[in-house]
Amino acid sequence: MSIASFSKVLSLAAFALSGLSALGAQAADFNFTGQAVFNTDRIQLSFSLDADSTGVKVWTDSWRSGLNFDPVVAVWGKTLSGYVLLSEVDDDDTLGSGQGSFDAGLKFDTLAAGHYLVTLAASPNYANGTTLTAGFAFDGQTPVALADWTQPSNNPNTNDQKGGYWSLHLSGVTQAAPVPEPSSWALLVTGLAVAALRRRRA
């Protein structure tokens, strides 16, 4: 994992921790932003519903006429055996102000109380199947920096979709927080262990 990606995870974790005191049982709106670096990057956010809910929405507004990558968004429901795909969309600009034609969005008429996961990736890095463990289309590929990658949906009449900025909104959920990649947790734990060891020796 690159330093830039690790810094992104730490900033998201800090943002999530700073907002924990404001989280309550009422349905609320959340907005998360960050910077993807590679075409294989996948952002994960968890959210929960304390009660059956209507009108839950998840959408991006970061495409900005091709300044940034074309996103694909998926929502997964947690089951006893893992996460199952509820819906995945590449383009839907009808859910929030500021969306462009290649932004993505999902609206659920009803969602049961429970735990969910949102994944955000660069199109066409779609889910390989109906379970999260099945992975994504770009898994195993050599990462290419977004600044150097020509996204298949690139429109030569707009900007070139080389930017990595992303912005994801969740509306009508109880709680929401970023989910760091396992490698990020391992790197963080290793860093903390080294710092503790140095402190003991001092």
Protein backbone atom coordinates (compact mmCIF):
# COMPACT_ATOMS: atom_id res chain seq x y z
CA MET A 1 0.00 0.00 0.00
CA SER A 2 1.36 3.43 -0.91
CA ILE A 3 2.02 6.16 1.67
CA ALA A 4 -0.68 8.26 -0.01
CA SER A 5 -3.21 5.44 0.40
CA PHE A 6 -2.19 4.87 4.02
CA SER A 7 -2.51 8.59 4.75
CA LYS A 8 -5.97 8.52 3.18
CA VAL A 9 -7.00 5.65 5.47
CA LEU A 10 -5.67 7.47 8.55
CA SER A 11 -7.50 10.68 7.60
CA LEU A 12 -10.74 8.77 7.08
CA ALA A 13 -10.30 6.95 10.40
CA ALA A 14 -9.65 10.25 12.18
CA PHE A 15 -12.72 11.79 10.54
CA ALA A 16 -14.85 8.83 11.58
CA LEU A 17 -13.59 8.92 15.18
CA SER A 18 -14.18 12.65 15.44
CA GLY A 19 -17.79 12.17 14.39
CA LEU A 20 -18.61 9.26 16.72
CA SER A 21 -19.92 11.50 19.48
CA ALA A 22 -22.41 13.04 17.05
CA LEU A 23 -23.80 9.70 15.91
CA GLY A 24 -27.14 8.82 17.41
CA ALA A 25 -30.05 6.53 16.81
CA GLN A 26 -31.78 8.99 14.47
CA ALA A 27 -31.47 8.58 10.71
CA ALA A 28 -28.94 11.06 9.37
CA ASP A 29 -26.96 12.11 6.32
CA PHE A 30 -23.21 11.50 6.00
CA ASN A 31 -20.62 12.63 3.47
CA PHE A 32 -17.17 11.08 3.04
CA THR A 33 -14.42 12.27 0.70
CA GLY A 34 -10.98 11.02 -0.15
CA GLN A 35 -8.39 10.49 -2.82
CA ALA A 36 -8.00 7.27 -4.83
CA VAL A 37 -4.55 6.72 -6.31
CA PHE A 38 -4.82 3.61 -8.50
CA ASN A 39 -7.44 2.14 -10.84
CA THR A 40 -7.64 -0.89 -8.53
CA ASP A 41 -8.40 1.12 -5.37
CA ARG A 42 -11.66 0.22 -3.67
CA ILE A 43 -13.17 2.36 -0.93
CA GLN A 44 -15.39 0.67 1.65
CA LEU A 45 -17.81 2.34 4.04
CA SER A 46 -20.03 0.59 6.54
CA PHE A 47 -23.45 1.82 7.57
CA SER A 48 -26.20 0.57 9.80
CA LEU A 49 -29.93 1.00 10.26
CA ASP A 50 -31.45 0.68 13.73
CA ALA A 51 -34.92 0.14 12.24
CA ASP A 52 -36.47 -0.81 8.92
CA SER A 53 -36.08 2.27 6.72
CA THR A 54 -37.45 3.80 3.54
CA GLY A 55 -35.72 6.08 1.06
CA VAL A 56 -32.11 5.23 1.94
CA LYS A 57 -29.83 6.80 -0.69
CA VAL A 58 -26.15 6.38 -1.57
CA TRP A 59 -24.60 8.58 -4.27
CA THR A 60 -21.46 10.24 -5.57
CA ASP A 61 -21.03 13.82 -6.80
CA SER A 62 -17.31 13.78 -7.58
CA TRP A 63 -17.12 13.01 -11.31
CA ARG A 64 -17.30 16.76 -12.04
CA SER A 65 -17.66 16.62 -15.82
CA GLY A 66 -14.77 14.19 -16.16
CA LEU A 67 -12.27 15.92 -13.88
CA ASN A 68 -12.26 12.77 -11.69
CA PHE A 69 -12.73 9.06 -12.36
CA ASP A 70 -16.10 7.53 -13.33
CA PRO A 71 -17.28 5.72 -10.15
CA VAL A 72 -19.22 2.52 -9.65
CA VAL A 73 -21.09 2.04 -6.35
CA ALA A 74 -22.41 -1.16 -4.78
CA VAL A 75 -24.36 -1.79 -1.58
CA TRP A 76 -23.98 -5.08 0.29
CA GLY A 77 -26.10 -6.51 3.09
CA LYS A 78 -24.49 -8.35 6.01
CA THR A 79 -25.59 -11.94 6.58
CA LEU A 80 -24.32 -14.68 8.89
CA SER A 81 -21.95 -15.87 6.17
CA GLY A 82 -20.66 -12.49 4.98
CA TYR A 83 -21.87 -9.72 2.67
CA VAL A 84 -24.24 -10.25 -0.26
CA LEU A 85 -24.75 -7.81 -3.12
CA LEU A 86 -28.02 -5.89 -2.99
CA SER A 87 -27.40 -3.57 -5.93
CA GLU A 88 -24.58 -2.13 -8.04
CA VAL A 89 -24.71 0.84 -10.38
CA ASP A 90 -22.29 2.63 -12.66
CA ASP A 91 -24.26 5.73 -13.62
CA ASP A 92 -27.24 7.48 -11.99
CA ASP A 93 -27.17 11.25 -11.62
CA THR A 94 -30.73 11.69 -10.33
CA LEU A 95 -30.19 11.46 -6.56
CA GLY A 96 -28.31 14.55 -5.43
CA SER A 97 -27.41 18.07 -6.43
CA GLY A 98 -23.98 18.40 -7.98
CA GLN A 99 -24.05 15.00 -9.67
CA GLY A 100 -22.74 14.67 -13.21
CA SER A 101 -23.88 12.22 -15.87
CA PHE A 102 -21.22 9.62 -14.93
CA ASP A 103 -21.78 9.84 -11.16
CA ALA A 104 -23.36 6.82 -9.48
CA GLY A 105 -26.25 6.45 -7.08
CA LEU A 106 -28.67 3.99 -5.51
CA LYS A 107 -32.00 4.49 -3.76
CA PHE A 108 -33.74 1.80 -1.75
CA ASP A 109 -37.49 2.00 -1.26
CA THR A 110 -37.07 -0.21 1.84
CA LEU A 111 -34.09 -1.62 3.72
CA ALA A 112 -34.34 -3.80 6.81
CA ALA A 113 -32.62 -2.90 10.06
CA GLY A 114 -29.08 -4.26 10.01
CA HIS A 115 -25.53 -3.71 8.85
CA TYR A 116 -24.46 -2.81 5.33
CA LEU A 117 -21.37 -2.06 3.30
CA VAL A 118 -20.86 0.39 0.42
CA THR A 119 -18.04 -0.14 -2.07
CA LEU A 120 -16.83 2.59 -4.40
CA ALA A 121 -14.45 1.83 -7.26
CA ALA A 122 -13.43 3.10 -10.66
CA SER A 123 -15.64 1.76 -13.45
CA PRO A 124 -15.47 -0.99 -14.77
CA ASN A 125 -14.10 -2.56 -11.55
CA TYR A 126 -17.42 -4.32 -10.93
CA ALA A 127 -18.21 -7.01 -8.36
CA ASN A 128 -17.37 -10.51 -9.63
CA GLY A 129 -20.50 -12.03 -8.15
CA THR A 130 -23.17 -11.73 -5.49
CA THR A 131 -20.86 -12.16 -2.49
CA LEU A 132 -18.12 -9.79 -1.37
CA THR A 133 -15.68 -12.68 -1.08
CA ALA A 134 -15.97 -13.24 -4.86
CA GLY A 135 -13.92 -10.06 -5.28
CA PHE A 136 -13.87 -7.48 -8.04
CA ALA A 137 -12.95 -7.38 -11.74
CA PHE A 138 -9.55 -5.72 -11.21
CA ASP A 139 -8.41 -8.00 -8.35
CA GLY A 140 -4.98 -9.42 -9.16
CA GLN A 141 -4.22 -6.82 -11.83
CA THR A 142 -1.18 -4.58 -11.61
CA PRO A 143 -2.37 -1.23 -10.26
CA VAL A 144 -2.14 1.71 -12.66
CA ALA A 145 -2.06 5.27 -11.32
CA LEU A 146 -5.31 7.03 -12.24
CA ALA A 147 -3.24 9.89 -13.69
CA ASP A 148 -1.73 7.41 -16.18
CA TRP A 149 -4.81 5.26 -16.84
CA THR A 150 -7.28 5.74 -19.68
CA GLN A 151 -10.63 4.78 -18.18
CA PRO A 152 -12.84 2.88 -20.68
CA SER A 153 -15.68 5.38 -20.20
CA ASN A 154 -13.40 8.33 -21.00
CA ASN A 155 -15.14 10.93 -23.14
CA PRO A 156 -12.71 12.94 -25.28
CA ASN A 157 -15.22 15.82 -25.34
CA THR A 158 -14.92 16.32 -21.56
CA ASN A 159 -12.03 16.26 -19.12
CA ASP A 160 -9.91 13.11 -19.15
CA GLN A 161 -11.09 11.45 -15.88
CA LYS A 162 -7.55 11.36 -14.46
CA GLY A 163 -8.38 12.76 -11.02
CA GLY A 164 -8.70 10.53 -7.97
CA TYR A 165 -10.97 12.68 -5.80
CA TRP A 166 -14.15 10.94 -4.63
CA SER A 167 -17.16 12.09 -2.64
CA LEU A 168 -19.81 9.71 -1.35
CA HIS A 169 -23.10 10.63 0.35
CA LEU A 170 -25.34 8.41 2.48
CA SER A 171 -28.82 9.61 3.38
CA GLY A 172 -31.28 8.11 5.88
CA VAL A 173 -28.84 5.82 7.71
CA THR A 174 -28.18 5.55 11.45
CA GLN A 175 -24.39 5.30 11.48
CA ALA A 176 -21.65 5.31 8.86
CA ALA A 177 -17.86 4.95 8.95
CA PRO A 178 -14.93 4.13 6.62
CA VAL A 179 -13.59 0.56 6.62
CA PRO A 180 -9.77 0.46 6.27
CA GLU A 181 -8.30 -2.34 4.16
CA PRO A 182 -6.80 -5.26 6.16
CA SER A 183 -3.33 -4.27 4.96
CA SER A 184 -3.88 -0.79 6.40
CA TRP A 185 -4.78 -2.24 9.80
CA ALA A 186 -1.67 -4.45 9.67
CA LEU A 187 0.52 -1.48 8.79
CA LEU A 188 -1.04 0.62 11.56
CA VAL A 189 -0.58 -2.14 14.17
CA THR A 190 3.04 -2.66 13.08
CA GLY A 191 3.70 1.07 13.34
CA LEU A 192 2.18 1.23 16.82
CA ALA A 193 4.21 -1.80 17.94
CA VAL A 194 7.46 -0.22 16.69
CA ALA A 195 6.61 3.06 18.42
CA ALA A 196 5.89 1.22 21.70
CA LEU A 197 9.16 -0.73 21.44
CA ARG A 198 11.15 2.46 20.86
CA ARG A 199 9.42 4.12 23.80
CA ARG A 200 10.32 1.20 26.09
CA ARG A 201 13.97 1.42 25.09
CA ALA A 202 14.12 5.18 25.70
